[in-house]
């Protein structure tokens, strides 16, 4: 495995978001445990998987104009 693991602060710098936005609005709504982040050794610390986040950001940004962005960060079909 050669994934890049990032803390919340490191991810925030990469995607130009506030760390609090990631923790409160993105985590568990668009960033899913086991897909976009893990809790190593069953602890409280969260590590984000950069490759999965990057893949889904690009994929969702090119999904098409029929998607309507929602205030909670999700998307609705138009």
PDB file of N, CA and C in Angstrom:
ATOM      1  N   UNK A   1       0.834  -1.178   0.000  1.00  0.00           N
ATOM      2  CA  UNK A   1       0.000   0.000   0.000  1.00  0.00           C
ATOM      3  C   UNK A   1       0.881   1.245   0.000  1.00  0.00           C
ATOM      4  N   UNK A   2       0.522   2.187  -0.846  1.00  0.00           N
ATOM      5  CA  UNK A   2       1.324   3.408  -0.908  1.00  0.00           C
ATOM      6  C   UNK A   2       0.429   4.642  -0.848  1.00  0.00           C
ATOM      7  N   UNK A   3      -0.553   4.620   0.054  1.00  0.00           N
ATOM      8  CA  UNK A   3      -1.436   5.773   0.218  1.00  0.00           C
ATOM      9  C   UNK A   3      -0.745   6.863   1.027  1.00  0.00           C
ATOM     10  N   UNK A   4      -1.177   8.091   0.791  1.00  0.00           N
ATOM     11  CA  UNK A   4      -0.671   9.237   1.525  1.00  0.00           C
ATOM     12  C   UNK A   4      -1.694   9.594   2.596  1.00  0.00           C
ATOM     13  N   UNK A   5      -1.279   9.536   3.858  1.00  0.00           N
ATOM     14  CA  UNK A   5      -2.166   9.832   4.971  1.00  0.00           C
ATOM     15  C   UNK A   5      -1.893  11.246   5.478  1.00  0.00           C
ATOM     16  N   UNK A   6      -2.976  12.012   5.678  1.00  0.00           N
ATOM     17  CA  UNK A   6      -2.863  13.407   6.096  1.00  0.00           C
ATOM     18  C   UNK A   6      -3.696  13.662   7.349  1.00  0.00           C
ATOM     19  N   UNK A   7      -3.208  14.554   8.189  1.00  0.00           N
ATOM     20  CA  UNK A   7      -4.011  15.026   9.313  1.00  0.00           C
ATOM     21  C   UNK A   7      -5.039  16.015   8.772  1.00  0.00           C
ATOM     22  N   UNK A   8      -5.966  16.424   9.609  1.00  0.00           N
ATOM     23  CA  UNK A   8      -6.977  17.401   9.196  1.00  0.00           C
ATOM     24  C   UNK A   8      -6.318  18.693   8.741  1.00  0.00           C
ATOM     25  N   UNK A   9      -5.321  19.146   9.460  1.00  0.00           N
ATOM     26  CA  UNK A   9      -4.648  20.397   9.123  1.00  0.00           C
ATOM     27  C   UNK A   9      -3.900  20.287   7.786  1.00  0.00           C
ATOM     28  N   UNK A  10      -3.243  19.152   7.548  1.00  0.00           N
ATOM     29  CA  UNK A  10      -2.528  18.951   6.288  1.00  0.00           C
ATOM     30  C   UNK A  10      -3.503  18.890   5.116  1.00  0.00           C
ATOM     31  N   UNK A  11      -4.627  18.209   5.302  1.00  0.00           N
ATOM     32  CA  UNK A  11      -5.650  18.149   4.250  1.00  0.00           C
ATOM     33  C   UNK A  11      -6.205  19.547   3.981  1.00  0.00           C
ATOM     34  N   UNK A  12      -6.452  20.299   5.032  1.00  0.00           N
ATOM     35  CA  UNK A  12      -6.989  21.655   4.885  1.00  0.00           C
ATOM     36  C   UNK A  12      -6.063  22.525   4.037  1.00  0.00           C
ATOM     37  N   UNK A  13      -4.782  22.413   4.255  1.00  0.00           N
ATOM     38  CA  UNK A  13      -3.822  23.189   3.456  1.00  0.00           C
ATOM     39  C   UNK A  13      -3.859  22.761   1.991  1.00  0.00           C
ATOM     40  N   UNK A  14      -3.992  21.459   1.746  1.00  0.00           N
ATOM     41  CA  UNK A  14      -4.000  20.961   0.362  1.00  0.00           C
ATOM     42  C   UNK A  14      -5.237  21.384  -0.413  1.00  0.00           C
ATOM     43  N   UNK A  15      -6.401  21.348   0.225  1.00  0.00           N
ATOM     44  CA  UNK A  15      -7.632  21.653  -0.509  1.00  0.00           C
ATOM     45  C   UNK A  15      -8.152  23.059  -0.223  1.00  0.00           C
ATOM     46  N   UNK A  16      -7.383  23.838   0.519  1.00  0.00           N
ATOM     47  CA  UNK A  16      -7.698  25.245   0.797  1.00  0.00           C
ATOM     48  C   UNK A  16      -9.037  25.421   1.522  1.00  0.00           C
ATOM     49  N   UNK A  17      -9.247  24.582   2.533  1.00  0.00           N
ATOM     50  CA  UNK A  17     -10.423  24.670   3.396  1.00  0.00           C
ATOM     51  C   UNK A  17      -9.952  24.890   4.822  1.00  0.00           C
ATOM     52  N   UNK A  18     -10.823  25.449   5.645  1.00  0.00           N
ATOM     53  CA  UNK A  18     -10.538  25.595   7.058  1.00  0.00           C
ATOM     54  C   UNK A  18     -10.652  24.215   7.713  1.00  0.00           C
ATOM     55  N   UNK A  19      -9.734  23.863   8.615  1.00  0.00           N
ATOM     56  CA  UNK A  19      -9.823  22.553   9.291  1.00  0.00           C
ATOM     57  C   UNK A  19     -11.169  22.319   9.976  1.00  0.00           C
ATOM     58  N   UNK A  20     -11.751  23.373  10.517  1.00  0.00           N
ATOM     59  CA  UNK A  20     -13.050  23.235  11.186  1.00  0.00           C
ATOM     60  C   UNK A  20     -14.145  22.850  10.194  1.00  0.00           C
ATOM     61  N   UNK A  21     -14.080  23.371   8.965  1.00  0.00           N
ATOM     62  CA  UNK A  21     -15.048  23.005   7.927  1.00  0.00           C
ATOM     63  C   UNK A  21     -14.938  21.522   7.598  1.00  0.00           C
ATOM     64  N   UNK A  22     -13.721  21.025   7.534  1.00  0.00           N
ATOM     65  CA  UNK A  22     -13.518  19.599   7.258  1.00  0.00           C
ATOM     66  C   UNK A  22     -14.112  18.761   8.376  1.00  0.00           C
ATOM     67  N   UNK A  23     -13.824  19.131   9.619  1.00  0.00           N
ATOM     68  CA  UNK A  23     -14.312  18.357  10.765  1.00  0.00           C
ATOM     69  C   UNK A  23     -15.829  18.428  10.920  1.00  0.00           C
ATOM     70  N   UNK A  24     -16.417  19.604  10.698  1.00  0.00           N
ATOM     71  CA  UNK A  24     -17.840  19.801  11.001  1.00  0.00           C
ATOM     72  C   UNK A  24     -18.770  19.599   9.814  1.00  0.00           C
ATOM     73  N   UNK A  25     -18.310  19.894   8.593  1.00  0.00           N
ATOM     74  CA  UNK A  25     -19.227  19.849   7.452  1.00  0.00           C
ATOM     75  C   UNK A  25     -18.922  18.745   6.452  1.00  0.00           C
ATOM     76  N   UNK A  26     -17.643  18.421   6.257  1.00  0.00           N
ATOM     77  CA  UNK A  26     -17.293  17.443   5.230  1.00  0.00           C
ATOM     78  C   UNK A  26     -17.200  16.021   5.778  1.00  0.00           C
ATOM     79  N   UNK A  27     -16.620  15.888   6.973  1.00  0.00           N
ATOM     80  CA  UNK A  27     -16.445  14.555   7.548  1.00  0.00           C
ATOM     81  C   UNK A  27     -17.810  13.942   7.811  1.00  0.00           C
ATOM     82  N   UNK A  28     -17.991  12.734   7.338  1.00  0.00           N
ATOM     83  CA  UNK A  28     -19.205  11.935   7.487  1.00  0.00           C
ATOM     84  C   UNK A  28     -20.365  12.388   6.594  1.00  0.00           C
ATOM     85  N   UNK A  29     -20.205  13.439   5.801  1.00  0.00           N
ATOM     86  CA  UNK A  29     -21.232  13.767   4.816  1.00  0.00           C
ATOM     87  C   UNK A  29     -20.699  13.475   3.416  1.00  0.00           C
ATOM     88  N   UNK A  30     -19.523  13.985   3.103  1.00  0.00           N
ATOM     89  CA  UNK A  30     -18.902  13.664   1.809  1.00  0.00           C
ATOM     90  C   UNK A  30     -17.624  12.860   1.983  1.00  0.00           C
ATOM     91  N   UNK A  31     -16.986  12.974   3.123  1.00  0.00           N
ATOM     92  CA  UNK A  31     -15.797  12.176   3.427  1.00  0.00           C
ATOM     93  C   UNK A  31     -16.217  11.041   4.344  1.00  0.00           C
ATOM     94  N   UNK A  32     -16.085   9.813   3.871  1.00  0.00           N
ATOM     95  CA  UNK A  32     -16.613   8.660   4.572  1.00  0.00           C
ATOM     96  C   UNK A  32     -15.509   7.820   5.213  1.00  0.00           C
ATOM     97  N   UNK A  33     -15.780   7.366   6.440  1.00  0.00           N
ATOM     98  CA  UNK A  33     -14.821   6.506   7.133  1.00  0.00           C
ATOM     99  C   UNK A  33     -14.656   5.195   6.371  1.00  0.00           C
ATOM    100  N   UNK A  34     -13.424   4.781   6.214  1.00  0.00           N
ATOM    101  CA  UNK A  34     -13.116   3.564   5.472  1.00  0.00           C
ATOM    102  C   UNK A  34     -12.880   3.806   3.995  1.00  0.00           C
ATOM    103  N   UNK A  35     -13.340   4.942   3.492  1.00  0.00           N
ATOM    104  CA  UNK A  35     -13.122   5.307   2.093  1.00  0.00           C
ATOM    105  C   UNK A  35     -12.144   6.472   2.011  1.00  0.00           C
ATOM    106  N   UNK A  36     -12.477   7.570   2.710  1.00  0.00           N
ATOM    107  CA  UNK A  36     -11.675   8.791   2.668  1.00  0.00           C
ATOM    108  C   UNK A  36     -10.810   8.998   3.907  1.00  0.00           C
ATOM    109  N   UNK A  37     -11.135   8.332   4.986  1.00  0.00           N
ATOM    110  CA  UNK A  37     -10.314   8.464   6.186  1.00  0.00           C
ATOM    111  C   UNK A  37     -10.385   7.198   7.017  1.00  0.00           C
ATOM    112  N   UNK A  38      -9.395   7.056   7.881  1.00  0.00           N
ATOM    113  CA  UNK A  38      -9.314   5.918   8.797  1.00  0.00           C
ATOM    114  C   UNK A  38      -9.007   6.419  10.200  1.00  0.00           C
ATOM    115  N   UNK A  39      -9.248   5.559  11.160  1.00  0.00           N
ATOM    116  CA  UNK A  39      -8.856   5.795  12.549  1.00  0.00           C
ATOM    117  C   UNK A  39      -7.849   4.697  12.886  1.00  0.00           C
ATOM    118  N   UNK A  40      -6.552   5.014  12.760  1.00  0.00           N
ATOM    119  CA  UNK A  40      -5.539   3.975  12.975  1.00  0.00           C
ATOM    120  C   UNK A  40      -5.625   3.360  14.375  1.00  0.00           C
ATOM    121  N   UNK A  41      -5.505   2.056  14.402  1.00  0.00           N
ATOM    122  CA  UNK A  41      -5.465   1.299  15.657  1.00  0.00           C
ATOM    123  C   UNK A  41      -6.711   1.512  16.511  1.00  0.00           C
ATOM    124  N   UNK A  42      -7.834   1.891  15.893  1.00  0.00           N
ATOM    125  CA  UNK A  42      -9.092   2.068  16.610  1.00  0.00           C
ATOM    126  C   UNK A  42      -9.135   3.263  17.527  1.00  0.00           C
ATOM    127  N   UNK A  43      -8.197   4.187  17.357  1.00  0.00           N
ATOM    128  CA  UNK A  43      -8.127   5.362  18.233  1.00  0.00           C
ATOM    129  C   UNK A  43      -9.013   6.502  17.777  1.00  0.00           C
ATOM    130  N   UNK A  44      -8.807   7.643  18.389  1.00  0.00           N
ATOM    131  CA  UNK A  44      -9.594   8.841  18.066  1.00  0.00           C
ATOM    132  C   UNK A  44      -8.995   9.633  16.918  1.00  0.00           C
ATOM    133  N   UNK A  45      -7.691   9.503  16.723  1.00  0.00           N
ATOM    134  CA  UNK A  45      -7.010  10.258  15.674  1.00  0.00           C
ATOM    135  C   UNK A  45      -7.532   9.845  14.306  1.00  0.00           C
ATOM    136  N   UNK A  46      -7.718  10.832  13.443  1.00  0.00           N
ATOM    137  CA  UNK A  46      -8.204  10.591  12.086  1.00  0.00           C
ATOM    138  C   UNK A  46      -7.098  10.914  11.106  1.00  0.00           C
ATOM    139  N   UNK A  47      -6.884  10.008  10.152  1.00  0.00           N
ATOM    140  CA  UNK A  47      -5.960  10.248   9.051  1.00  0.00           C
ATOM    141  C   UNK A  47      -6.739  10.138   7.749  1.00  0.00           C
ATOM    142  N   UNK A  48      -6.613  11.170   6.923  1.00  0.00           N
ATOM    143  CA  UNK A  48      -7.316  11.225   5.647  1.00  0.00           C
ATOM    144  C   UNK A  48      -6.461  10.591   4.558  1.00  0.00           C
ATOM    145  N   UNK A  49      -7.102   9.876   3.641  1.00  0.00           N
ATOM    146  CA  UNK A  49      -6.418   9.203   2.547  1.00  0.00           C
ATOM    147  C   UNK A  49      -6.474  10.114   1.333  1.00  0.00           C
ATOM    148  N   UNK A  50      -5.345  10.753   1.029  1.00  0.00           N
ATOM    149  CA  UNK A  50      -5.285  11.768   0.002  1.00  0.00           C
ATOM    150  C   UNK A  50      -5.742  11.251  -1.367  1.00  0.00           C
ATOM    151  N   UNK A  51      -5.290  10.098  -1.785  1.00  0.00           N
ATOM    152  CA  UNK A  51      -5.608   9.592  -3.116  1.00  0.00           C
ATOM    153  C   UNK A  51      -7.111   9.406  -3.319  1.00  0.00           C
ATOM    154  N   UNK A  52      -7.815   8.922  -2.297  1.00  0.00           N
ATOM    155  CA  UNK A  52      -9.269   8.733  -2.396  1.00  0.00           C
ATOM    156  C   UNK A  52      -9.989  10.078  -2.447  1.00  0.00           C
ATOM    157  N   UNK A  53      -9.535  11.032  -1.657  1.00  0.00           N
ATOM    158  CA  UNK A  53     -10.159  12.353  -1.645  1.00  0.00           C
ATOM    159  C   UNK A  53      -9.916  13.056  -2.973  1.00  0.00           C
ATOM    160  N   UNK A  54      -8.698  13.009  -3.463  1.00  0.00           N
ATOM    161  CA  UNK A  54      -8.369  13.647  -4.738  1.00  0.00           C
ATOM    162  C   UNK A  54      -9.185  13.030  -5.874  1.00  0.00           C
ATOM    163  N   UNK A  55      -9.274  11.706  -5.910  1.00  0.00           N
ATOM    164  CA  UNK A  55     -10.043  11.013  -6.945  1.00  0.00           C
ATOM    165  C   UNK A  55     -11.501  11.462  -6.933  1.00  0.00           C
ATOM    166  N   UNK A  56     -12.118  11.494  -5.751  1.00  0.00           N
ATOM    167  CA  UNK A  56     -13.526  11.837  -5.667  1.00  0.00           C
ATOM    168  C   UNK A  56     -13.782  13.324  -5.896  1.00  0.00           C
ATOM    169  N   UNK A  57     -12.848  14.187  -5.526  1.00  0.00           N
ATOM    170  CA  UNK A  57     -13.002  15.620  -5.817  1.00  0.00           C
ATOM    171  C   UNK A  57     -13.041  15.848  -7.316  1.00  0.00           C
ATOM    172  N   UNK A  58     -12.122  15.238  -8.041  1.00  0.00           N
ATOM    173  CA  UNK A  58     -12.065  15.407  -9.495  1.00  0.00           C
ATOM    174  C   UNK A  58     -13.287  14.772 -10.138  1.00  0.00           C
ATOM    175  N   UNK A  59     -13.640  13.578  -9.701  1.00  0.00           N
ATOM    176  CA  UNK A  59     -14.779  12.867 -10.265  1.00  0.00           C
ATOM    177  C   UNK A  59     -16.072  13.656 -10.067  1.00  0.00           C
ATOM    178  N   UNK A  60     -16.279  14.202  -8.883  1.00  0.00           N
ATOM    179  CA  UNK A  60     -17.499  14.957  -8.600  1.00  0.00           C
ATOM    180  C   UNK A  60     -17.515  16.324  -9.272  1.00  0.00           C
ATOM    181  N   UNK A  61     -16.348  16.904  -9.516  1.00  0.00           N
ATOM    182  CA  UNK A  61     -16.325  18.215 -10.161  1.00  0.00           C
ATOM    183  C   UNK A  61     -16.598  18.107 -11.653  1.00  0.00           C
ATOM    184  N   UNK A  62     -16.430  16.912 -12.218  1.00  0.00           N
ATOM    185  CA  UNK A  62     -16.698  16.719 -13.645  1.00  0.00           C
ATOM    186  C   UNK A  62     -17.949  15.879 -13.866  1.00  0.00           C
ATOM    187  N   UNK A  63     -18.775  15.723 -12.845  1.00  0.00           N
ATOM    188  CA  UNK A  63     -19.958  14.863 -12.934  1.00  0.00           C
ATOM    189  C   UNK A  63     -21.009  15.423 -13.878  1.00  0.00           C
ATOM    190  N   UNK A  64     -21.015  16.715 -14.095  1.00  0.00           N
ATOM    191  CA  UNK A  64     -21.987  17.291 -15.010  1.00  0.00           C
ATOM    192  C   UNK A  64     -22.786  18.404 -14.376  1.00  0.00           C
ATOM    193  N   UNK A  65     -23.426  19.174 -15.221  1.00  0.00           N
ATOM    194  CA  UNK A  65     -24.170  20.342 -14.769  1.00  0.00           C
ATOM    195  C   UNK A  65     -25.518  19.976 -14.167  1.00  0.00           C
ATOM    196  N   UNK A  66     -25.949  18.718 -14.303  1.00  0.00           N
ATOM    197  CA  UNK A  66     -27.250  18.335 -13.769  1.00  0.00           C
ATOM    198  C   UNK A  66     -27.256  18.189 -12.250  1.00  0.00           C
ATOM    199  N   UNK A  67     -26.103  18.321 -11.596  1.00  0.00           N
ATOM    200  CA  UNK A  67     -26.016  18.228 -10.142  1.00  0.00           C
ATOM    201  C   UNK A  67     -26.120  19.624  -9.538  1.00  0.00           C
ATOM    202  N   UNK A  68     -26.947  19.750  -8.507  1.00  0.00           N
ATOM    203  CA  UNK A  68     -27.171  21.038  -7.837  1.00  0.00           C
ATOM    204  C   UNK A  68     -26.485  20.989  -6.480  1.00  0.00           C
ATOM    205  N   UNK A  69     -25.540  21.906  -6.212  1.00  0.00           N
ATOM    206  CA  UNK A  69     -24.877  21.905  -4.896  1.00  0.00           C
ATOM    207  C   UNK A  69     -25.843  22.325  -3.789  1.00  0.00           C
ATOM    208  N   UNK A  70     -25.778  21.612  -2.666  1.00  0.00           N
ATOM    209  CA  UNK A  70     -26.649  21.909  -1.524  1.00  0.00           C
ATOM    210  C   UNK A  70     -25.848  22.637  -0.447  1.00  0.00           C
ATOM    211  N   UNK A  71     -26.521  23.354   0.417  1.00  0.00           N
ATOM    212  CA  UNK A  71     -25.874  24.135   1.461  1.00  0.00           C
ATOM    213  C   UNK A  71     -25.065  23.249   2.414  1.00  0.00           C
ATOM    214  N   UNK A  72     -25.474  21.993   2.609  1.00  0.00           N
ATOM    215  CA  UNK A  72     -24.778  21.114   3.553  1.00  0.00           C
ATOM    216  C   UNK A  72     -23.558  20.448   2.933  1.00  0.00           C
ATOM    217  N   UNK A  73     -23.233  20.793   1.677  1.00  0.00           N
ATOM    218  CA  UNK A  73     -22.070  20.218   1.013  1.00  0.00           C
ATOM    219  C   UNK A  73     -22.392  19.064   0.105  1.00  0.00           C
ATOM    220  N   UNK A  74     -23.625  18.579   0.121  1.00  0.00           N
ATOM    221  CA  UNK A  74     -24.029  17.477  -0.738  1.00  0.00           C
ATOM    222  C   UNK A  74     -24.456  17.951  -2.116  1.00  0.00           C
ATOM    223  N   UNK A  75     -24.913  17.023  -2.941  1.00  0.00           N
ATOM    224  CA  UNK A  75     -25.371  17.338  -4.289  1.00  0.00           C
ATOM    225  C   UNK A  75     -26.760  16.745  -4.494  1.00  0.00           C
ATOM    226  N   UNK A  76     -27.579  17.450  -5.271  1.00  0.00           N
ATOM    227  CA  UNK A  76     -28.899  16.948  -5.618  1.00  0.00           C
ATOM    228  C   UNK A  76     -28.992  16.818  -7.131  1.00  0.00           C
ATOM    229  N   UNK A  77     -29.704  15.804  -7.586  1.00  0.00           N
ATOM    230  CA  UNK A  77     -29.909  15.644  -9.022  1.00  0.00           C
ATOM    231  C   UNK A  77     -30.880  16.694  -9.524  1.00  0.00           C
ATOM    232  N   UNK A  78     -30.526  17.310 -10.662  1.00  0.00           N
ATOM    233  CA  UNK A  78     -31.372  18.387 -11.198  1.00  0.00           C
ATOM    234  C   UNK A  78     -32.302  17.930 -12.261  1.00  0.00           C
TER     235      UNK A  78
END
